[in-house]
Amino acid sequence: MRSLLIITQKVDENDDLLGFFVDWIEEFKKHIPSVKVIALNSPKKSWIRLFLRMLWYVPQSDAVFAHMSPIFVVIAGPWAWLWRKPVYLWYLHRSNTWRLRLAEKFVKKIFTASRASLTIMSKKIVEIGHGINANRFKTENRKWGNRILAVGRISPIKNYETLLQTGLPVTIAICSGAKRTAFGISRE
């Protein structure tokens, strides 16, 4: 593959939810000579611009990679199909919406961190893990030793009770609310 079109919600290294995706883009660039990225950024103002950029870049690309939003596949899929360009989706969510079911028809593969996190049934699903750059979390100033760090929201699916039963020191960093307020819980 010589060129890839990536469609994503946002490209902002400082974004608390999607900042990690900058690392993904850089990794794609190491393996593919030409990587174009289309980002929505501001919902209402950018949909027309996003659509027009898809119309322009899909024919010029060897493949399309949509990140986390099946609606990107729904919009780009027919155009990619017309130009015979494969479409891939990264998705990790339990909701099984009409957008996801329709997107599944257009994609060649749906990549996910965990098959158990998807409720849609498809032979196109490929479980590949989270793709998190662990080097971002290394620090020379601290020695973590045998400590467990969990970062996320409080939800039954996160199963923090199991972590607490390990007997190891546990720190849980929790994001809460629309403002993404973070606080921590530690058990030594």
C-alpha atoms as a PDB file:
ATOM      1  CA  MET A   1       0.000   0.000   0.000  1.00  0.00           C
ATOM      2  CA  ARG A   2       1.351   3.370  -1.011  1.00  0.00           C
ATOM      3  CA  SER A   3      -1.352   5.732   0.235  1.00  0.00           C
ATOM      4  CA  LEU A   4      -3.864   5.697   3.076  1.00  0.00           C
ATOM      5  CA  LEU A   5      -6.719   8.033   3.883  1.00  0.00           C
ATOM      6  CA  ILE A   6      -7.516   8.244   7.607  1.00  0.00           C
ATOM      7  CA  ILE A   7     -10.834   9.678   8.761  1.00  0.00           C
ATOM      8  CA  THR A   8     -11.049  10.539  12.451  1.00  0.00           C
ATOM      9  CA  GLN A   9     -12.868  12.795  14.892  1.00  0.00           C
ATOM     10  CA  LYS A  10      -9.935  14.900  16.004  1.00  0.00           C
ATOM     11  CA  VAL A  11      -6.159  15.181  15.724  1.00  0.00           C
ATOM     12  CA  ASP A  12      -4.946  16.918  18.868  1.00  0.00           C
ATOM     13  CA  GLU A  13      -2.092  15.540  20.938  1.00  0.00           C
ATOM     14  CA  ASN A  14      -3.426  17.393  23.994  1.00  0.00           C
ATOM     15  CA  ASP A  15      -6.964  16.034  23.775  1.00  0.00           C
ATOM     16  CA  ASP A  16      -7.753  13.982  26.868  1.00  0.00           C
ATOM     17  CA  LEU A  17      -9.717  11.335  24.948  1.00  0.00           C
ATOM     18  CA  LEU A  18      -8.252  11.238  21.435  1.00  0.00           C
ATOM     19  CA  GLY A  19      -4.703  12.532  21.950  1.00  0.00           C
ATOM     20  CA  PHE A  20      -3.273   9.017  21.640  1.00  0.00           C
ATOM     21  CA  PHE A  21      -4.356   8.868  17.998  1.00  0.00           C
ATOM     22  CA  VAL A  22      -1.457  11.128  16.999  1.00  0.00           C
ATOM     23  CA  ASP A  23       0.836   8.178  17.825  1.00  0.00           C
ATOM     24  CA  TRP A  24      -1.236   5.951  15.538  1.00  0.00           C
ATOM     25  CA  ILE A  25      -0.890   8.410  12.660  1.00  0.00           C
ATOM     26  CA  GLU A  26       2.872   8.580  13.170  1.00  0.00           C
ATOM     27  CA  GLU A  27       3.052   4.779  13.166  1.00  0.00           C
ATOM     28  CA  PHE A  28       1.072   4.564   9.923  1.00  0.00           C
ATOM     29  CA  LYS A  29       3.487   7.085   8.372  1.00  0.00           C
ATOM     30  CA  LYS A  30       6.422   4.786   9.186  1.00  0.00           C
ATOM     31  CA  HIS A  31       4.929   2.049   6.982  1.00  0.00           C
ATOM     32  CA  ILE A  32       2.979   3.890   4.279  1.00  0.00           C
ATOM     33  CA  PRO A  33       4.592   6.543   2.041  1.00  0.00           C
ATOM     34  CA  SER A  34       1.527   8.806   1.830  1.00  0.00           C
ATOM     35  CA  VAL A  35      -0.919   9.252   4.721  1.00  0.00           C
ATOM     36  CA  LYS A  36      -3.704  11.844   4.454  1.00  0.00           C
ATOM     37  CA  VAL A  37      -5.831  12.625   7.508  1.00  0.00           C
ATOM     38  CA  ILE A  38      -9.304  14.123   7.513  1.00  0.00           C
ATOM     39  CA  ALA A  39     -10.593  15.177  10.935  1.00  0.00           C
ATOM     40  CA  LEU A  40     -14.040  16.405  11.845  1.00  0.00           C
ATOM     41  CA  ASN A  41     -12.939  18.585  14.807  1.00  0.00           C
ATOM     42  CA  SER A  42     -16.065  20.769  15.149  1.00  0.00           C
ATOM     43  CA  PRO A  43     -19.252  18.811  14.445  1.00  0.00           C
ATOM     44  CA  LYS A  44     -21.734  21.141  12.739  1.00  0.00           C
ATOM     45  CA  LYS A  45     -19.347  23.348  10.780  1.00  0.00           C
ATOM     46  CA  SER A  46     -17.150  20.590   9.396  1.00  0.00           C
ATOM     47  CA  TRP A  47     -19.500  17.872   8.067  1.00  0.00           C
ATOM     48  CA  ILE A  48     -19.752  19.413   4.594  1.00  0.00           C
ATOM     49  CA  ARG A  49     -15.999  20.035   4.463  1.00  0.00           C
ATOM     50  CA  LEU A  50     -15.354  16.476   5.702  1.00  0.00           C
ATOM     51  CA  PHE A  51     -17.636  15.064   3.004  1.00  0.00           C
ATOM     52  CA  LEU A  52     -15.998  17.121   0.231  1.00  0.00           C
ATOM     53  CA  ARG A  53     -12.518  16.099   1.371  1.00  0.00           C
ATOM     54  CA  MET A  54     -13.614  12.439   1.335  1.00  0.00           C
ATOM     55  CA  LEU A  55     -14.856  12.854  -2.235  1.00  0.00           C
ATOM     56  CA  TRP A  56     -11.470  14.291  -3.186  1.00  0.00           C
ATOM     57  CA  TYR A  57      -9.123  11.955  -1.295  1.00  0.00           C
ATOM     58  CA  VAL A  58     -10.836   8.548  -1.570  1.00  0.00           C
ATOM     59  CA  PRO A  59     -10.031   8.110  -5.308  1.00  0.00           C
ATOM     60  CA  GLN A  60      -6.416   9.158  -4.650  1.00  0.00           C
ATOM     61  CA  SER A  61      -5.885   6.627  -1.843  1.00  0.00           C
ATOM     62  CA  ASP A  62      -5.192   2.906  -1.883  1.00  0.00           C
ATOM     63  CA  ALA A  63      -7.355   2.354   1.212  1.00  0.00           C
ATOM     64  CA  VAL A  64      -9.494   4.171   3.779  1.00  0.00           C
ATOM     65  CA  PHE A  65      -9.167   3.782   7.568  1.00  0.00           C
ATOM     66  CA  ALA A  66     -12.011   5.151   9.707  1.00  0.00           C
ATOM     67  CA  HIS A  67     -11.311   5.628  13.392  1.00  0.00           C
ATOM     68  CA  MET A  68     -14.048   4.978  15.977  1.00  0.00           C
ATOM     69  CA  SER A  69     -16.991   6.388  13.992  1.00  0.00           C
ATOM     70  CA  PRO A  70     -19.052   4.063  11.813  1.00  0.00           C
ATOM     71  CA  ILE A  71     -20.743   7.134  10.307  1.00  0.00           C
ATOM     72  CA  PHE A  72     -17.455   7.924   8.551  1.00  0.00           C
ATOM     73  CA  VAL A  73     -17.700   4.536   6.826  1.00  0.00           C
ATOM     74  CA  VAL A  74     -21.379   5.105   5.999  1.00  0.00           C
ATOM     75  CA  ILE A  75     -20.439   8.374   4.290  1.00  0.00           C
ATOM     76  CA  ALA A  76     -17.195   7.268   2.593  1.00  0.00           C
ATOM     77  CA  GLY A  77     -18.141   3.618   1.981  1.00  0.00           C
ATOM     78  CA  PRO A  78     -20.256   4.010  -1.175  1.00  0.00           C
ATOM     79  CA  TRP A  79     -17.663   6.329  -2.716  1.00  0.00           C
ATOM     80  CA  ALA A  80     -14.826   3.945  -1.797  1.00  0.00           C
ATOM     81  CA  TRP A  81     -16.827   1.007  -3.184  1.00  0.00           C
ATOM     82  CA  LEU A  82     -17.317   2.884  -6.459  1.00  0.00           C
ATOM     83  CA  TRP A  83     -13.548   3.445  -6.712  1.00  0.00           C
ATOM     84  CA  ARG A  84     -12.812  -0.109  -5.481  1.00  0.00           C
ATOM     85  CA  LYS A  85     -10.905   1.087  -2.415  1.00  0.00           C
ATOM     86  CA  PRO A  86     -10.944  -1.131   0.686  1.00  0.00           C
ATOM     87  CA  VAL A  87     -12.294   0.453   3.848  1.00  0.00           C
ATOM     88  CA  TYR A  88     -11.205  -0.510   7.367  1.00  0.00           C
ATOM     89  CA  LEU A  89     -12.793   0.531  10.649  1.00  0.00           C
ATOM     90  CA  TRP A  90     -11.312   0.694  14.134  1.00  0.00           C
ATOM     91  CA  TYR A  91     -14.177   0.351  16.606  1.00  0.00           C
ATOM     92  CA  LEU A  92     -14.390  -0.452  20.296  1.00  0.00           C
ATOM     93  CA  HIS A  93     -17.859  -0.001  21.722  1.00  0.00           C
ATOM     94  CA  ARG A  94     -20.687  -2.221  22.871  1.00  0.00           C
ATOM     95  CA  SER A  95     -23.458  -0.278  21.126  1.00  0.00           C
ATOM     96  CA  ASN A  96     -24.820  -1.969  18.023  1.00  0.00           C
ATOM     97  CA  THR A  97     -26.312   0.922  16.046  1.00  0.00           C
ATOM     98  CA  TRP A  98     -27.743   1.048  12.543  1.00  0.00           C
ATOM     99  CA  ARG A  99     -24.616   3.029  11.551  1.00  0.00           C
ATOM    100  CA  LEU A 100     -22.347   0.192  12.713  1.00  0.00           C
ATOM    101  CA  ARG A 101     -24.456  -2.468  10.997  1.00  0.00           C
ATOM    102  CA  LEU A 102     -24.438  -0.484   7.742  1.00  0.00           C
ATOM    103  CA  ALA A 103     -20.719   0.281   8.046  1.00  0.00           C
ATOM    104  CA  GLU A 104     -20.022  -3.447   8.460  1.00  0.00           C
ATOM    105  CA  LYS A 105     -21.390  -3.968   4.928  1.00  0.00           C
ATOM    106  CA  PHE A 106     -18.831  -1.553   3.430  1.00  0.00           C
ATOM    107  CA  VAL A 107     -15.691  -2.518   5.348  1.00  0.00           C
ATOM    108  CA  LYS A 108     -13.155  -5.177   4.559  1.00  0.00           C
ATOM    109  CA  LYS A 109     -12.203  -5.489   8.265  1.00  0.00           C
ATOM    110  CA  ILE A 110     -13.284  -4.104  11.630  1.00  0.00           C
ATOM    111  CA  PHE A 111     -10.325  -3.850  13.996  1.00  0.00           C
ATOM    112  CA  THR A 112     -10.939  -3.820  17.735  1.00  0.00           C
ATOM    113  CA  ALA A 113      -9.008  -4.141  20.978  1.00  0.00           C
ATOM    114  CA  SER A 114     -11.225  -6.907  22.301  1.00  0.00           C
ATOM    115  CA  ARG A 115     -13.797  -9.036  20.495  1.00  0.00           C
ATOM    116  CA  ALA A 116     -15.795  -9.143  23.720  1.00  0.00           C
ATOM    117  CA  SER A 117     -16.272  -5.362  23.502  1.00  0.00           C
ATOM    118  CA  LEU A 118     -18.327  -5.615  20.322  1.00  0.00           C
ATOM    119  CA  THR A 119     -21.904  -6.830  20.190  1.00  0.00           C
ATOM    120  CA  ILE A 120     -22.111  -6.956  16.401  1.00  0.00           C
ATOM    121  CA  MET A 121     -21.547 -10.385  14.905  1.00  0.00           C
ATOM    122  CA  SER A 122     -19.264 -10.422  11.866  1.00  0.00           C
ATOM    123  CA  LYS A 123     -16.508 -12.519  10.352  1.00  0.00           C
ATOM    124  CA  LYS A 124     -14.773  -9.252   9.464  1.00  0.00           C
ATOM    125  CA  ILE A 125     -13.776  -8.513  13.076  1.00  0.00           C
ATOM    126  CA  VAL A 126     -10.060  -8.719  13.894  1.00  0.00           C
ATOM    127  CA  GLU A 127      -8.934  -8.435  17.523  1.00  0.00           C
ATOM    128  CA  ILE A 128      -5.588  -6.610  17.706  1.00  0.00           C
ATOM    129  CA  GLY A 129      -5.335  -5.054  21.183  1.00  0.00           C
ATOM    130  CA  HIS A 130      -5.400  -1.378  22.137  1.00  0.00           C
ATOM    131  CA  GLY A 131      -2.334  -0.091  20.309  1.00  0.00           C
ATOM    132  CA  ILE A 132      -1.250   2.160  23.156  1.00  0.00           C
ATOM    133  CA  ASN A 133       2.315   3.444  23.154  1.00  0.00           C
ATOM    134  CA  ALA A 134       3.441   2.245  26.592  1.00  0.00           C
ATOM    135  CA  ASN A 135       6.625   4.348  26.332  1.00  0.00           C
ATOM    136  CA  ARG A 136       4.503   7.445  26.961  1.00  0.00           C
ATOM    137  CA  PHE A 137       3.914   6.194  30.491  1.00  0.00           C
ATOM    138  CA  LYS A 138       7.501   5.348  31.402  1.00  0.00           C
ATOM    139  CA  THR A 139       9.164   7.590  33.918  1.00  0.00           C
ATOM    140  CA  GLU A 140      12.751   7.643  35.083  1.00  0.00           C
ATOM    141  CA  ASN A 141      11.882   9.474  38.304  1.00  0.00           C
ATOM    142  CA  ARG A 142       9.586   6.864  39.844  1.00  0.00           C
ATOM    143  CA  LYS A 143       9.849   3.207  40.661  1.00  0.00           C
ATOM    144  CA  TRP A 144       6.454   1.622  40.418  1.00  0.00           C
ATOM    145  CA  GLY A 145       7.483  -1.836  41.492  1.00  0.00           C
ATOM    146  CA  ASN A 146       4.577  -4.226  41.886  1.00  0.00           C
ATOM    147  CA  ARG A 147       1.814  -1.649  41.584  1.00  0.00           C
ATOM    148  CA  ILE A 148      -1.293  -1.761  39.433  1.00  0.00           C
ATOM    149  CA  LEU A 149      -2.480   1.420  37.734  1.00  0.00           C
ATOM    150  CA  ALA A 150      -5.947   1.453  36.174  1.00  0.00           C
ATOM    151  CA  VAL A 151      -7.181   4.452  34.226  1.00  0.00           C
ATOM    152  CA  GLY A 152     -10.786   4.794  33.143  1.00  0.00           C
ATOM    153  CA  ARG A 153     -14.330   5.391  34.228  1.00  0.00           C
ATOM    154  CA  ILE A 154     -16.285   3.648  36.975  1.00  0.00           C
ATOM    155  CA  SER A 155     -18.396   1.037  35.239  1.00  0.00           C
ATOM    156  CA  PRO A 156     -19.320  -2.581  35.977  1.00  0.00           C
ATOM    157  CA  ILE A 157     -17.545  -3.684  32.786  1.00  0.00           C
ATOM    158  CA  LYS A 158     -14.221  -2.340  34.140  1.00  0.00           C
ATOM    159  CA  ASN A 159     -14.402  -4.898  37.007  1.00  0.00           C
ATOM    160  CA  TYR A 160     -12.201  -2.982  39.470  1.00  0.00           C
ATOM    161  CA  GLU A 161     -13.190  -5.469  42.176  1.00  0.00           C
ATOM    162  CA  THR A 162     -10.872  -8.031  40.594  1.00  0.00           C
ATOM    163  CA  LEU A 163      -7.952  -5.580  40.765  1.00  0.00           C
ATOM    164  CA  LEU A 164      -8.616  -4.929  44.425  1.00  0.00           C
ATOM    165  CA  GLN A 165      -8.519  -8.684  45.154  1.00  0.00           C
ATOM    166  CA  THR A 166      -4.963  -9.083  43.817  1.00  0.00           C
ATOM    167  CA  GLY A 167      -3.370  -8.005  47.081  1.00  0.00           C
ATOM    168  CA  LEU A 168      -1.039  -5.642  45.196  1.00  0.00           C
ATOM    169  CA  PRO A 169      -1.056  -1.878  45.689  1.00  0.00           C
ATOM    170  CA  VAL A 170      -3.673  -0.435  43.320  1.00  0.00           C
ATOM    171  CA  THR A 171      -4.167   3.093  42.029  1.00  0.00           C
ATOM    172  CA  ILE A 172      -7.312   3.808  40.045  1.00  0.00           C
ATOM    173  CA  ALA A 173      -7.404   7.101  38.133  1.00  0.00           C
ATOM    174  CA  ILE A 174     -10.973   7.961  37.232  1.00  0.00           C
ATOM    175  CA  CYS A 175     -12.316  10.390  34.663  1.00  0.00           C
ATOM    176  CA  SER A 176     -15.761  11.651  35.535  1.00  0.00           C
ATOM    177  CA  GLY A 177     -18.295  14.015  33.998  1.00  0.00           C
ATOM    178  CA  ALA A 178     -18.413  16.173  30.915  1.00  0.00           C
ATOM    179  CA  LYS A 179     -15.386  18.194  32.020  1.00  0.00           C
ATOM    180  CA  ARG A 180     -13.329  14.989  32.345  1.00  0.00           C
ATOM    181  CA  THR A 181     -12.512  15.705  35.980  1.00  0.00           C
ATOM    182  CA  ALA A 182      -9.838  13.273  37.114  1.00  0.00           C
ATOM    183  CA  PHE A 183      -9.308  11.947  40.614  1.00  0.00           C
ATOM    184  CA  GLY A 184      -7.577   8.946  42.041  1.00  0.00           C
ATOM    185  CA  ILE A 185      -8.217   6.161  44.514  1.00  0.00           C
ATOM    186  CA  SER A 186      -5.264   4.314  46.019  1.00  0.00           C
ATOM    187  CA  ARG A 187      -5.036   1.220  48.182  1.00  0.00           C
ATOM    188  CA  GLU A 188      -1.610   0.398  49.575  1.00  0.00           C
END
